[in-house]
Amino acid sequence: YTAASLVSENKQLSTPASVDSIVSSNGQEDHVSMGANAARKLLRVVDNVEKILAIEWLTALQAIEFRRPQRTNPAIESRIAAFREQVPYQAEDHILARDIQEAVQFIQHTKISNHDYLEDL
């Protein structure tokens, strides 16, 4: 439910800031850009997306762990190993806040835009 809530919040934050323009300076200004507000909303959306991706990593890797001893391909296994160095597998139910934060840190500090590691797929 956490990821769904974050996605819903992002939908709300995606309303253009310009629809909330206000009259200012006693009607002297026709339009206020609300650019600063838009930038703050964008930062919240980016933070939420990082958390959503972190939750996706956690759930996907949990599913893969359930299928062990089967393996995926070597490129994916290397990504799993890197992730597990930072976010260990948890066999028992527990509060996920720390895991989500650690997964966010992994996402922020791992270069995943370079698809060189996909060549082995």
PDB file of N, CA and C in Angstrom:
ATOM      1  N   TYR A   1       0.807  -1.195   0.000  1.00  0.00           N
ATOM      2  CA  TYR A   1       0.000   0.000   0.000  1.00  0.00           C
ATOM      3  C   TYR A   1       0.855   1.266   0.000  1.00  0.00           C
ATOM      4  N   THR A   2       2.074   1.146   0.477  1.00  0.00           N
ATOM      5  CA  THR A   2       2.948   2.316   0.520  1.00  0.00           C
ATOM      6  C   THR A   2       3.243   2.821  -0.881  1.00  0.00           C
ATOM      7  N   ALA A   3       3.619   1.921  -1.784  1.00  0.00           N
ATOM      8  CA  ALA A   3       3.931   2.337  -3.152  1.00  0.00           C
ATOM      9  C   ALA A   3       2.705   2.931  -3.830  1.00  0.00           C
ATOM     10  N   ALA A   4       1.539   2.323  -3.642  1.00  0.00           N
ATOM     11  CA  ALA A   4       0.310   2.850  -4.250  1.00  0.00           C
ATOM     12  C   ALA A   4      -0.001   4.241  -3.719  1.00  0.00           C
ATOM     13  N   SER A   5       0.221   4.452  -2.439  1.00  0.00           N
ATOM     14  CA  SER A   5      -0.010   5.767  -1.848  1.00  0.00           C
ATOM     15  C   SER A   5       0.940   6.808  -2.437  1.00  0.00           C
ATOM     16  N   LEU A   6       2.197   6.428  -2.625  1.00  0.00           N
ATOM     17  CA  LEU A   6       3.167   7.354  -3.211  1.00  0.00           C
ATOM     18  C   LEU A   6       2.821   7.678  -4.660  1.00  0.00           C
ATOM     19  N   VAL A   7       2.377   6.678  -5.415  1.00  0.00           N
ATOM     20  CA  VAL A   7       1.965   6.919  -6.804  1.00  0.00           C
ATOM     21  C   VAL A   7       0.777   7.869  -6.838  1.00  0.00           C
ATOM     22  N   SER A   8      -0.182   7.660  -5.954  1.00  0.00           N
ATOM     23  CA  SER A   8      -1.347   8.539  -5.890  1.00  0.00           C
ATOM     24  C   SER A   8      -0.930   9.966  -5.537  1.00  0.00           C
ATOM     25  N   GLU A   9      -0.012  10.097  -4.597  1.00  0.00           N
ATOM     26  CA  GLU A   9       0.479  11.432  -4.240  1.00  0.00           C
ATOM     27  C   GLU A   9       1.152  12.089  -5.437  1.00  0.00           C
ATOM     28  N   ASN A  10       1.919  11.317  -6.205  1.00  0.00           N
ATOM     29  CA  ASN A  10       2.564  11.870  -7.395  1.00  0.00           C
ATOM     30  C   ASN A  10       1.543  12.362  -8.409  1.00  0.00           C
ATOM     31  N   LYS A  11       0.441  11.639  -8.544  1.00  0.00           N
ATOM     32  CA  LYS A  11      -0.617  12.105  -9.450  1.00  0.00           C
ATOM     33  C   LYS A  11      -1.137  13.462  -8.996  1.00  0.00           C
ATOM     34  N   GLN A  12      -1.340  13.625  -7.704  1.00  0.00           N
ATOM     35  CA  GLN A  12      -1.820  14.904  -7.180  1.00  0.00           C
ATOM     36  C   GLN A  12      -0.782  16.003  -7.376  1.00  0.00           C
ATOM     37  N   LEU A  13       0.472  15.675  -7.147  1.00  0.00           N
ATOM     38  CA  LEU A  13       1.539  16.664  -7.290  1.00  0.00           C
ATOM     39  C   LEU A  13       1.787  17.048  -8.746  1.00  0.00           C
ATOM     40  N   SER A  14       1.297  16.249  -9.674  1.00  0.00           N
ATOM     41  CA  SER A  14       1.530  16.503 -11.093  1.00  0.00           C
ATOM     42  C   SER A  14       0.564  17.508 -11.697  1.00  0.00           C
ATOM     43  N   THR A  15      -0.374  17.982 -10.919  1.00  0.00           N
ATOM     44  CA  THR A  15      -1.242  19.057 -11.402  1.00  0.00           C
ATOM     45  C   THR A  15      -0.364  20.273 -11.659  1.00  0.00           C
ATOM     46  N   PRO A  16      -0.458  20.895 -12.825  1.00  0.00           N
ATOM     47  CA  PRO A  16       0.411  22.041 -13.114  1.00  0.00           C
ATOM     48  C   PRO A  16       0.287  23.136 -12.056  1.00  0.00           C
ATOM     49  N   ALA A  17       1.430  23.621 -11.598  1.00  0.00           N
ATOM     50  CA  ALA A  17       1.435  24.689 -10.596  1.00  0.00           C
ATOM     51  C   ALA A  17       0.804  25.959 -11.150  1.00  0.00           C
ATOM     52  N   SER A  18       0.835  26.126 -12.453  1.00  0.00           N
ATOM     53  CA  SER A  18       0.312  27.353 -13.063  1.00  0.00           C
ATOM     54  C   SER A  18      -1.193  27.505 -12.900  1.00  0.00           C
ATOM     55  N   VAL A  19      -1.911  26.418 -12.608  1.00  0.00           N
ATOM     56  CA  VAL A  19      -3.362  26.549 -12.423  1.00  0.00           C
ATOM     57  C   VAL A  19      -3.686  27.271 -11.130  1.00  0.00           C
ATOM     58  N   ASP A  20      -2.685  27.468 -10.295  1.00  0.00           N
ATOM     59  CA  ASP A  20      -2.903  28.122  -9.010  1.00  0.00           C
ATOM     60  C   ASP A  20      -2.355  29.543  -9.000  1.00  0.00           C
ATOM     61  N   SER A  21      -2.216  30.153 -10.170  1.00  0.00           N
ATOM     62  CA  SER A  21      -1.717  31.523 -10.241  1.00  0.00           C
ATOM     63  C   SER A  21      -2.666  32.461  -9.506  1.00  0.00           C
ATOM     64  N   ILE A  22      -2.095  33.449  -8.862  1.00  0.00           N
ATOM     65  CA  ILE A  22      -2.905  34.385  -8.084  1.00  0.00           C
ATOM     66  C   ILE A  22      -2.646  35.818  -8.532  1.00  0.00           C
ATOM     67  N   VAL A  23      -3.609  36.655  -8.293  1.00  0.00           N
ATOM     68  CA  VAL A  23      -3.443  38.086  -8.560  1.00  0.00           C
ATOM     69  C   VAL A  23      -2.516  38.640  -7.490  1.00  0.00           C
ATOM     70  N   SER A  24      -1.552  39.428  -7.904  1.00  0.00           N
ATOM     71  CA  SER A  24      -0.645  40.031  -6.925  1.00  0.00           C
ATOM     72  C   SER A  24      -0.413  41.495  -7.265  1.00  0.00           C
ATOM     73  N   SER A  25       0.156  42.214  -6.347  1.00  0.00           N
ATOM     74  CA  SER A  25       0.451  43.639  -6.523  1.00  0.00           C
ATOM     75  C   SER A  25      -0.795  44.424  -6.893  1.00  0.00           C
ATOM     76  N   ASN A  26      -1.903  44.104  -6.224  1.00  0.00           N
ATOM     77  CA  ASN A  26      -3.166  44.820  -6.441  1.00  0.00           C
ATOM     78  C   ASN A  26      -3.574  44.819  -7.912  1.00  0.00           C
ATOM     79  N   GLY A  27      -3.401  43.671  -8.560  1.00  0.00           N
ATOM     80  CA  GLY A  27      -3.823  43.532  -9.945  1.00  0.00           C
ATOM     81  C   GLY A  27      -2.806  44.018 -10.956  1.00  0.00           C
ATOM     82  N   GLN A  28      -1.625  44.439 -10.518  1.00  0.00           N
ATOM     83  CA  GLN A  28      -0.599  44.938 -11.432  1.00  0.00           C
ATOM     84  C   GLN A  28       0.090  43.804 -12.189  1.00  0.00           C
ATOM     85  N   GLU A  29       0.098  42.656 -11.588  1.00  0.00           N
ATOM     86  CA  GLU A  29       0.734  41.503 -12.215  1.00  0.00           C
ATOM     87  C   GLU A  29      -0.360  40.605 -12.784  1.00  0.00           C
ATOM     88  N   ASP A  30      -0.267  40.291 -14.075  1.00  0.00           N
ATOM     89  CA  ASP A  30      -1.286  39.461 -14.714  1.00  0.00           C
ATOM     90  C   ASP A  30      -1.154  37.988 -14.340  1.00  0.00           C
ATOM     91  N   HIS A  31       0.065  37.553 -14.188  1.00  0.00           N
ATOM     92  CA  HIS A  31       0.280  36.116 -13.997  1.00  0.00           C
ATOM     93  C   HIS A  31       1.513  35.913 -13.125  1.00  0.00           C
ATOM     94  N   VAL A  32       1.408  35.030 -12.187  1.00  0.00           N
ATOM     95  CA  VAL A  32       2.548  34.632 -11.368  1.00  0.00           C
ATOM     96  C   VAL A  32       2.901  33.210 -11.794  1.00  0.00           C
ATOM     97  N   SER A  33       4.147  32.972 -12.127  1.00  0.00           N
ATOM     98  CA  SER A  33       4.524  31.689 -12.738  1.00  0.00           C
ATOM     99  C   SER A  33       4.412  30.501 -11.789  1.00  0.00           C
ATOM    100  N   MET A  34       4.562  30.712 -10.517  1.00  0.00           N
ATOM    101  CA  MET A  34       4.551  29.626  -9.538  1.00  0.00           C
ATOM    102  C   MET A  34       5.677  28.630  -9.810  1.00  0.00           C
ATOM    103  N   GLY A  35       6.738  29.099 -10.466  1.00  0.00           N
ATOM    104  CA  GLY A  35       7.868  28.233 -10.794  1.00  0.00           C
ATOM    105  C   GLY A  35       8.524  27.607  -9.575  1.00  0.00           C
ATOM    106  N   ALA A  36       8.664  28.378  -8.514  1.00  0.00           N
ATOM    107  CA  ALA A  36       9.282  27.831  -7.296  1.00  0.00           C
ATOM    108  C   ALA A  36       8.414  26.718  -6.713  1.00  0.00           C
ATOM    109  N   ASN A  37       7.110  26.924  -6.716  1.00  0.00           N
ATOM    110  CA  ASN A  37       6.211  25.876  -6.216  1.00  0.00           C
ATOM    111  C   ASN A  37       6.299  24.625  -7.089  1.00  0.00           C
ATOM    112  N   ALA A  38       6.383  24.823  -8.401  1.00  0.00           N
ATOM    113  CA  ALA A  38       6.500  23.679  -9.312  1.00  0.00           C
ATOM    114  C   ALA A  38       7.792  22.905  -9.032  1.00  0.00           C
ATOM    115  N   ALA A  39       8.878  23.620  -8.780  1.00  0.00           N
ATOM    116  CA  ALA A  39      10.154  22.960  -8.496  1.00  0.00           C
ATOM    117  C   ALA A  39      10.080  22.160  -7.195  1.00  0.00           C
ATOM    118  N   ARG A  40       9.437  22.714  -6.184  1.00  0.00           N
ATOM    119  CA  ARG A  40       9.293  21.991  -4.915  1.00  0.00           C
ATOM    120  C   ARG A  40       8.436  20.744  -5.093  1.00  0.00           C
ATOM    121  N   LYS A  41       7.373  20.863  -5.902  1.00  0.00           N
ATOM    122  CA  LYS A  41       6.532  19.689  -6.162  1.00  0.00           C
ATOM    123  C   LYS A  41       7.325  18.623  -6.916  1.00  0.00           C
ATOM    124  N   LEU A  42       8.134  19.055  -7.881  1.00  0.00           N
ATOM    125  CA  LEU A  42       8.952  18.113  -8.642  1.00  0.00           C
ATOM    126  C   LEU A  42       9.916  17.364  -7.727  1.00  0.00           C
ATOM    127  N   LEU A  43      10.525  18.064  -6.791  1.00  0.00           N
ATOM    128  CA  LEU A  43      11.438  17.406  -5.861  1.00  0.00           C
ATOM    129  C   LEU A  43      10.715  16.338  -5.045  1.00  0.00           C
ATOM    130  N   ARG A  44       9.498  16.623  -4.615  1.00  0.00           N
ATOM    131  CA  ARG A  44       8.716  15.621  -3.880  1.00  0.00           C
ATOM    132  C   ARG A  44       8.399  14.421  -4.762  1.00  0.00           C
ATOM    133  N   VAL A  45       8.066  14.673  -6.029  1.00  0.00           N
ATOM    134  CA  VAL A  45       7.776  13.574  -6.957  1.00  0.00           C
ATOM    135  C   VAL A  45       9.017  12.696  -7.132  1.00  0.00           C
ATOM    136  N   VAL A  46      10.176  13.312  -7.321  1.00  0.00           N
ATOM    137  CA  VAL A  46      11.413  12.542  -7.488  1.00  0.00           C
ATOM    138  C   VAL A  46      11.698  11.713  -6.236  1.00  0.00           C
ATOM    139  N   ASP A  47      11.540  12.309  -5.059  1.00  0.00           N
ATOM    140  CA  ASP A  47      11.728  11.557  -3.809  1.00  0.00           C
ATOM    141  C   ASP A  47      10.771  10.372  -3.733  1.00  0.00           C
ATOM    142  N   ASN A  48       9.529  10.602  -4.118  1.00  0.00           N
ATOM    143  CA  ASN A  48       8.538   9.514  -4.098  1.00  0.00           C
ATOM    144  C   ASN A  48       8.899   8.412  -5.086  1.00  0.00           C
ATOM    145  N   VAL A  49       9.362   8.790  -6.277  1.00  0.00           N
ATOM    146  CA  VAL A  49       9.735   7.791  -7.283  1.00  0.00           C
ATOM    147  C   VAL A  49      10.897   6.940  -6.775  1.00  0.00           C
ATOM    148  N   GLU A  50      11.850   7.564  -6.103  1.00  0.00           N
ATOM    149  CA  GLU A  50      12.948   6.778  -5.526  1.00  0.00           C
ATOM    150  C   GLU A  50      12.415   5.750  -4.530  1.00  0.00           C
ATOM    151  N   LYS A  51      11.464   6.140  -3.713  1.00  0.00           N
ATOM    152  CA  LYS A  51      10.886   5.203  -2.744  1.00  0.00           C
ATOM    153  C   LYS A  51      10.096   4.103  -3.447  1.00  0.00           C
ATOM    154  N   ILE A  52       9.363   4.474  -4.495  1.00  0.00           N
ATOM    155  CA  ILE A  52       8.595   3.479  -5.256  1.00  0.00           C
ATOM    156  C   ILE A  52       9.546   2.455  -5.884  1.00  0.00           C
ATOM    157  N   LEU A  53      10.623   2.929  -6.494  1.00  0.00           N
ATOM    158  CA  LEU A  53      11.603   2.013  -7.089  1.00  0.00           C
ATOM    159  C   LEU A  53      12.270   1.145  -6.030  1.00  0.00           C
ATOM    160  N   ALA A  54      12.528   1.717  -4.866  1.00  0.00           N
ATOM    161  CA  ALA A  54      13.110   0.938  -3.766  1.00  0.00           C
ATOM    162  C   ALA A  54      12.182  -0.201  -3.366  1.00  0.00           C
ATOM    163  N   ILE A  55      10.908   0.089  -3.262  1.00  0.00           N
ATOM    164  CA  ILE A  55       9.925  -0.942  -2.908  1.00  0.00           C
ATOM    165  C   ILE A  55       9.860  -2.000  -4.005  1.00  0.00           C
ATOM    166  N   GLU A  56       9.944  -1.585  -5.258  1.00  0.00           N
ATOM    167  CA  GLU A  56       9.954  -2.544  -6.367  1.00  0.00           C
ATOM    168  C   GLU A  56      11.178  -3.461  -6.281  1.00  0.00           C
ATOM    169  N   TRP A  57      12.344  -2.895  -5.989  1.00  0.00           N
ATOM    170  CA  TRP A  57      13.549  -3.715  -5.822  1.00  0.00           C
ATOM    171  C   TRP A  57      13.335  -4.723  -4.704  1.00  0.00           C
ATOM    172  N   LEU A  58      12.836  -4.245  -3.565  1.00  0.00           N
ATOM    173  CA  LEU A  58      12.638  -5.136  -2.412  1.00  0.00           C
ATOM    174  C   LEU A  58      11.692  -6.284  -2.745  1.00  0.00           C
ATOM    175  N   THR A  59      10.579  -5.978  -3.379  1.00  0.00           N
ATOM    176  CA  THR A  59       9.597  -7.026  -3.659  1.00  0.00           C
ATOM    177  C   THR A  59      10.087  -7.975  -4.755  1.00  0.00           C
ATOM    178  N   ALA A  60      10.738  -7.436  -5.771  1.00  0.00           N
ATOM    179  CA  ALA A  60      11.248  -8.293  -6.846  1.00  0.00           C
ATOM    180  C   ALA A  60      12.316  -9.248  -6.319  1.00  0.00           C
ATOM    181  N   LEU A  61      13.218  -8.727  -5.506  1.00  0.00           N
ATOM    182  CA  LEU A  61      14.270  -9.590  -4.980  1.00  0.00           C
ATOM    183  C   LEU A  61      13.741 -10.585  -3.963  1.00  0.00           C
ATOM    184  N   GLN A  62      12.728 -10.207  -3.228  1.00  0.00           N
ATOM    185  CA  GLN A  62      12.100 -11.164  -2.308  1.00  0.00           C
ATOM    186  C   GLN A  62      11.506 -12.325  -3.115  1.00  0.00           C
ATOM    187  N   ALA A  63      10.852 -12.007  -4.224  1.00  0.00           N
ATOM    188  CA  ALA A  63      10.276 -13.051  -5.080  1.00  0.00           C
ATOM    189  C   ALA A  63      11.366 -13.961  -5.641  1.00  0.00           C
ATOM    190  N   ILE A  64      12.476 -13.360  -6.052  1.00  0.00           N
ATOM    191  CA  ILE A  64      13.586 -14.171  -6.567  1.00  0.00           C
ATOM    192  C   ILE A  64      14.127 -15.086  -5.472  1.00  0.00           C
ATOM    193  N   GLU A  65      14.241 -14.557  -4.255  1.00  0.00           N
ATOM    194  CA  GLU A  65      14.743 -15.376  -3.138  1.00  0.00           C
ATOM    195  C   GLU A  65      13.830 -16.577  -2.870  1.00  0.00           C
ATOM    196  N   PHE A  66      12.529 -16.394  -3.065  1.00  0.00           N
ATOM    197  CA  PHE A  66      11.598 -17.507  -2.866  1.00  0.00           C
ATOM    198  C   PHE A  66      11.842 -18.633  -3.869  1.00  0.00           C
ATOM    199  N   ARG A  67      12.447 -18.313  -5.007  1.00  0.00           N
ATOM    200  CA  ARG A  67      12.682 -19.300  -6.065  1.00  0.00           C
ATOM    201  C   ARG A  67      14.057 -19.964  -5.954  1.00  0.00           C
ATOM    202  N   ARG A  68      14.831 -19.603  -4.962  1.00  0.00           N
ATOM    203  CA  ARG A  68      16.150 -20.210  -4.798  1.00  0.00           C
ATOM    204  C   ARG A  68      16.002 -21.698  -4.522  1.00  0.00           C
ATOM    205  N   PRO A  69      16.866 -22.525  -5.009  1.00  0.00           N
ATOM    206  CA  PRO A  69      18.211 -22.277  -5.499  1.00  0.00           C
ATOM    207  C   PRO A  69      18.286 -21.926  -6.985  1.00  0.00           C
ATOM    208  N   GLN A  70      17.157 -21.773  -7.658  1.00  0.00           N
ATOM    209  CA  GLN A  70      17.210 -21.378  -9.064  1.00  0.00           C
ATOM    210  C   GLN A  70      17.894 -20.020  -9.183  1.00  0.00           C
ATOM    211  N   ARG A  71      18.510 -19.788 -10.315  1.00  0.00           N
ATOM    212  CA  ARG A  71      19.255 -18.555 -10.550  1.00  0.00           C
ATOM    213  C   ARG A  71      18.733 -17.855 -11.792  1.00  0.00           C
ATOM    214  N   THR A  72      18.914 -16.559 -11.805  1.00  0.00           N
ATOM    215  CA  THR A  72      18.660 -15.774 -13.011  1.00  0.00           C
ATOM    216  C   THR A  72      19.970 -15.761 -13.792  1.00  0.00           C
ATOM    217  N   ASN A  73      20.128 -14.824 -14.716  1.00  0.00           N
ATOM    218  CA  ASN A  73      21.386 -14.793 -15.462  1.00  0.00           C
ATOM    219  C   ASN A  73      22.475 -14.073 -14.653  1.00  0.00           C
ATOM    220  N   PRO A  74      23.724 -14.202 -15.038  1.00  0.00           N
ATOM    221  CA  PRO A  74      24.833 -13.623 -14.265  1.00  0.00           C
ATOM    222  C   PRO A  74      24.749 -12.103 -14.084  1.00  0.00           C
ATOM    223  N   ALA A  75      24.273 -11.385 -15.080  1.00  0.00           N
ATOM    224  CA  ALA A  75      24.183  -9.924 -14.962  1.00  0.00           C
ATOM    225  C   ALA A  75      23.199  -9.530 -13.870  1.00  0.00           C
ATOM    226  N   ILE A  76      22.062 -10.186 -13.847  1.00  0.00           N
ATOM    227  CA  ILE A  76      21.060  -9.888 -12.818  1.00  0.00           C
ATOM    228  C   ILE A  76      21.563 -10.345 -11.456  1.00  0.00           C
ATOM    229  N   GLU A  77      22.209 -11.502 -11.407  1.00  0.00           N
ATOM    230  CA  GLU A  77      22.742 -11.994 -10.131  1.00  0.00           C
ATOM    231  C   GLU A  77      23.766 -11.029  -9.547  1.00  0.00           C
ATOM    232  N   SER A  78      24.563 -10.382 -10.400  1.00  0.00           N
ATOM    233  CA  SER A  78      25.543  -9.419  -9.882  1.00  0.00           C
ATOM    234  C   SER A  78      24.843  -8.196  -9.296  1.00  0.00           C
ATOM    235  N   ARG A  79      23.741  -7.783  -9.903  1.00  0.00           N
ATOM    236  CA  ARG A  79      22.959  -6.658  -9.350  1.00  0.00           C
ATOM    237  C   ARG A  79      22.315  -7.064  -8.025  1.00  0.00           C
ATOM    238  N   ILE A  80      21.831  -8.276  -7.957  1.00  0.00           N
ATOM    239  CA  ILE A  80      21.228  -8.762  -6.710  1.00  0.00           C
ATOM    240  C   ILE A  80      22.285  -8.779  -5.606  1.00  0.00           C
ATOM    241  N   ALA A  81      23.470  -9.284  -5.923  1.00  0.00           N
ATOM    242  CA  ALA A  81      24.545  -9.345  -4.924  1.00  0.00           C
ATOM    243  C   ALA A  81      24.917  -7.949  -4.435  1.00  0.00           C
ATOM    244  N   ALA A  82      25.006  -6.993  -5.350  1.00  0.00           N
ATOM    245  CA  ALA A  82      25.328  -5.615  -4.957  1.00  0.00           C
ATOM    246  C   ALA A  82      24.242  -5.045  -4.052  1.00  0.00           C
ATOM    247  N   PHE A  83      22.996  -5.294  -4.402  1.00  0.00           N
ATOM    248  CA  PHE A  83      21.877  -4.816  -3.589  1.00  0.00           C
ATOM    249  C   PHE A  83      21.906  -5.464  -2.209  1.00  0.00           C
ATOM    250  N   ARG A  84      22.155  -6.767  -2.175  1.00  0.00           N
ATOM    251  CA  ARG A  84      22.144  -7.501  -0.909  1.00  0.00           C
ATOM    252  C   ARG A  84      23.305  -7.106   0.007  1.00  0.00           C
ATOM    253  N   GLU A  85      24.368  -6.537  -0.540  1.00  0.00           N
ATOM    254  CA  GLU A  85      25.435  -6.012   0.314  1.00  0.00           C
ATOM    255  C   GLU A  85      24.919  -4.861   1.171  1.00  0.00           C
ATOM    256  N   GLN A  86      23.992  -4.116   0.626  1.00  0.00           N
ATOM    257  CA  GLN A  86      23.447  -2.959   1.336  1.00  0.00           C
ATOM    258  C   GLN A  86      22.138  -3.284   2.048  1.00  0.00           C
ATOM    259  N   VAL A  87      21.328  -4.131   1.439  1.00  0.00           N
ATOM    260  CA  VAL A  87      20.019  -4.479   2.013  1.00  0.00           C
ATOM    261  C   VAL A  87      19.943  -5.996   2.119  1.00  0.00           C
ATOM    262  N   PRO A  88      20.259  -6.544   3.288  1.00  0.00           N
ATOM    263  CA  PRO A  88      20.265  -8.003   3.417  1.00  0.00           C
ATOM    264  C   PRO A  88      18.872  -8.612   3.312  1.00  0.00           C
ATOM    265  N   TYR A  89      18.858  -9.864   2.882  1.00  0.00           N
ATOM    266  CA  TYR A  89      17.606 -10.624   2.825  1.00  0.00           C
ATOM    267  C   TYR A  89      17.047 -10.779   4.235  1.00  0.00           C
ATOM    268  N   GLN A  90      15.742 -10.626   4.363  1.00  0.00           N
ATOM    269  CA  GLN A  90      15.067 -10.784   5.655  1.00  0.00           C
ATOM    270  C   GLN A  90      14.063 -11.921   5.530  1.00  0.00           C
ATOM    271  N   ALA A  91      14.259 -12.958   6.299  1.00  0.00           N
ATOM    272  CA  ALA A  91      13.365 -14.117   6.235  1.00  0.00           C
ATOM    273  C   ALA A  91      12.100 -13.923   7.064  1.00  0.00           C
ATOM    274  N   GLU A  92      12.143 -13.013   8.019  1.00  0.00           N
ATOM    275  CA  GLU A  92      11.013 -12.803   8.927  1.00  0.00           C
ATOM    276  C   GLU A  92      10.321 -11.479   8.622  1.00  0.00           C
ATOM    277  N   ASP A  93       9.034 -11.415   8.968  1.00  0.00           N
ATOM    278  CA  ASP A  93       8.307 -10.154   8.843  1.00  0.00           C
ATOM    279  C   ASP A  93       8.938  -9.112   9.760  1.00  0.00           C
ATOM    280  N   HIS A  94       9.001  -7.897   9.280  1.00  0.00           N
ATOM    281  CA  HIS A  94       9.539  -6.802  10.081  1.00  0.00           C
ATOM    282  C   HIS A  94       9.106  -5.479   9.459  1.00  0.00           C
ATOM    283  N   ILE A  95       9.325  -4.406  10.171  1.00  0.00           N
ATOM    284  CA  ILE A  95       9.011  -3.075   9.649  1.00  0.00           C
ATOM    285  C   ILE A  95       9.994  -2.771   8.525  1.00  0.00           C
ATOM    286  N   LEU A  96       9.479  -2.306   7.392  1.00  0.00           N
ATOM    287  CA  LEU A  96      10.297  -2.147   6.190  1.00  0.00           C
ATOM    288  C   LEU A  96      10.908  -0.762   6.019  1.00  0.00           C
ATOM    289  N   ALA A  97      10.650   0.157   6.922  1.00  0.00           N
ATOM    290  CA  ALA A  97      11.119   1.535   6.736  1.00  0.00           C
ATOM    291  C   ALA A  97      12.628   1.597   6.506  1.00  0.00           C
ATOM    292  N   ARG A  98      13.390   0.895   7.316  1.00  0.00           N
ATOM    293  CA  ARG A  98      14.855   0.922   7.164  1.00  0.00           C
ATOM    294  C   ARG A  98      15.264   0.275   5.840  1.00  0.00           C
ATOM    295  N   ASP A  99      14.636  -0.829   5.472  1.00  0.00           N
ATOM    296  CA  ASP A  99      14.958  -1.489   4.200  1.00  0.00           C
ATOM    297  C   ASP A  99      14.676  -0.564   3.021  1.00  0.00           C
ATOM    298  N   ILE A 100      13.544   0.126   3.077  1.00  0.00           N
ATOM    299  CA  ILE A 100      13.196   1.050   1.992  1.00  0.00           C
ATOM    300  C   ILE A 100      14.241   2.153   1.903  1.00  0.00           C
ATOM    301  N   GLN A 101      14.637   2.714   3.049  1.00  0.00           N
ATOM    302  CA  GLN A 101      15.641   3.779   3.037  1.00  0.00           C
ATOM    303  C   GLN A 101      16.976   3.279   2.502  1.00  0.00           C
ATOM    304  N   GLU A 102      17.375   2.084   2.896  1.00  0.00           N
ATOM    305  CA  GLU A 102      18.626   1.504   2.382  1.00  0.00           C
ATOM    306  C   GLU A 102      18.530   1.249   0.877  1.00  0.00           C
ATOM    307  N   ALA A 103      17.378   0.806   0.421  1.00  0.00           N
ATOM    308  CA  ALA A 103      17.183   0.580  -1.015  1.00  0.00           C
ATOM    309  C   ALA A 103      17.225   1.902  -1.776  1.00  0.00           C
ATOM    310  N   VAL A 104      16.664   2.955  -1.193  1.00  0.00           N
ATOM    311  CA  VAL A 104      16.746   4.289  -1.811  1.00  0.00           C
ATOM    312  C   VAL A 104      18.213   4.696  -1.938  1.00  0.00           C
ATOM    313  N   GLN A 105      18.994   4.481  -0.889  1.00  0.00           N
ATOM    314  CA  GLN A 105      20.425   4.802  -0.935  1.00  0.00           C
ATOM    315  C   GLN A 105      21.118   4.014  -2.050  1.00  0.00           C
ATOM    316  N   PHE A 106      20.769   2.750  -2.187  1.00  0.00           N
ATOM    317  CA  PHE A 106      21.344   1.929  -3.257  1.00  0.00           C
ATOM    318  C   PHE A 106      21.017   2.531  -4.620  1.00  0.00           C
ATOM    319  N   ILE A 107      19.761   2.900  -4.818  1.00  0.00           N
ATOM    320  CA  ILE A 107      19.331   3.475  -6.091  1.00  0.00           C
ATOM    321  C   ILE A 107      20.058   4.787  -6.365  1.00  0.00           C
ATOM    322  N   GLN A 108      20.200   5.617  -5.344  1.00  0.00           N
ATOM    323  CA  GLN A 108      20.844   6.916  -5.517  1.00  0.00           C
ATOM    324  C   GLN A 108      22.329   6.795  -5.845  1.00  0.00           C
ATOM    325  N   HIS A 109      22.973   5.743  -5.378  1.00  0.00           N
ATOM    326  CA  HIS A 109      24.419   5.630  -5.531  1.00  0.00           C
ATOM    327  C   HIS A 109      24.861   4.542  -6.497  1.00  0.00           C
ATOM    328  N   THR A 110      23.932   3.938  -7.201  1.00  0.00           N
ATOM    329  CA  THR A 110      24.263   2.895  -8.164  1.00  0.00           C
ATOM    330  C   THR A 110      23.935   3.393  -9.557  1.00  0.00           C
ATOM    331  N   LYS A 111      24.900   3.299 -10.429  1.00  0.00           N
ATOM    332  CA  LYS A 111      24.679   3.732 -11.801  1.00  0.00           C
ATOM    333  C   LYS A 111      23.897   2.649 -12.525  1.00  0.00           C
ATOM    334  N   ILE A 112      22.633   2.931 -12.804  1.00  0.00           N
ATOM    335  CA  ILE A 112      21.811   1.944 -13.505  1.00  0.00           C
ATOM    336  C   ILE A 112      21.384   2.445 -14.874  1.00  0.00           C
ATOM    337  N   SER A 113      21.758   3.686 -15.211  1.00  0.00           N
ATOM    338  CA  SER A 113      21.382   4.211 -16.521  1.00  0.00           C
ATOM    339  C   SER A 113      22.287   3.665 -17.620  1.00  0.00           C
ATOM    340  N   ASN A 114      23.477   3.209 -17.267  1.00  0.00           N
ATOM    341  CA  ASN A 114      24.388   2.621 -18.232  1.00  0.00           C
ATOM    342  C   ASN A 114      24.046   1.137 -18.340  1.00  0.00           C
ATOM    343  N   HIS A 115      23.585   0.710 -19.474  1.00  0.00           N
ATOM    344  CA  HIS A 115      23.070  -0.650 -19.634  1.00  0.00           C
ATOM    345  C   HIS A 115      24.142  -1.656 -20.053  1.00  0.00           C
ATOM    346  N   ASP A 116      25.403  -1.343 -19.788  1.00  0.00           N
ATOM    347  CA  ASP A 116      26.472  -2.279 -20.137  1.00  0.00           C
ATOM    348  C   ASP A 116      26.260  -3.645 -19.505  1.00  0.00           C
ATOM    349  N   TYR A 117      25.729  -3.657 -18.281  1.00  0.00           N
ATOM    350  CA  TYR A 117      25.543  -4.932 -17.592  1.00  0.00           C
ATOM    351  C   TYR A 117      24.456  -5.782 -18.237  1.00  0.00           C
ATOM    352  N   LEU A 118      23.668  -5.202 -19.137  1.00  0.00           N
ATOM    353  CA  LEU A 118      22.613  -5.958 -19.808  1.00  0.00           C
ATOM    354  C   LEU A 118      23.133  -6.746 -21.013  1.00  0.00           C
ATOM    355  N   GLU A 119      24.381  -6.525 -21.381  1.00  0.00           N
ATOM    356  CA  GLU A 119      24.927  -7.228 -22.544  1.00  0.00           C
ATOM    357  C   GLU A 119      24.912  -8.738 -22.356  1.00  0.00           C
ATOM    358  N   ASP A 120      24.968  -9.184 -21.103  1.00  0.00           N
ATOM    359  CA  ASP A 120      24.976 -10.620 -20.829  1.00  0.00           C
ATOM    360  C   ASP A 120      23.594 -11.248 -20.894  1.00  0.00           C
ATOM    361  N   LEU A 121      22.558 -10.437 -21.042  1.00  0.00           N
ATOM    362  CA  LEU A 121      21.192 -10.981 -21.036  1.00  0.00           C
ATOM    363  C   LEU A 121      20.906 -11.798 -22.271  1.00  0.00           C
TER     364      LEU A 121
END
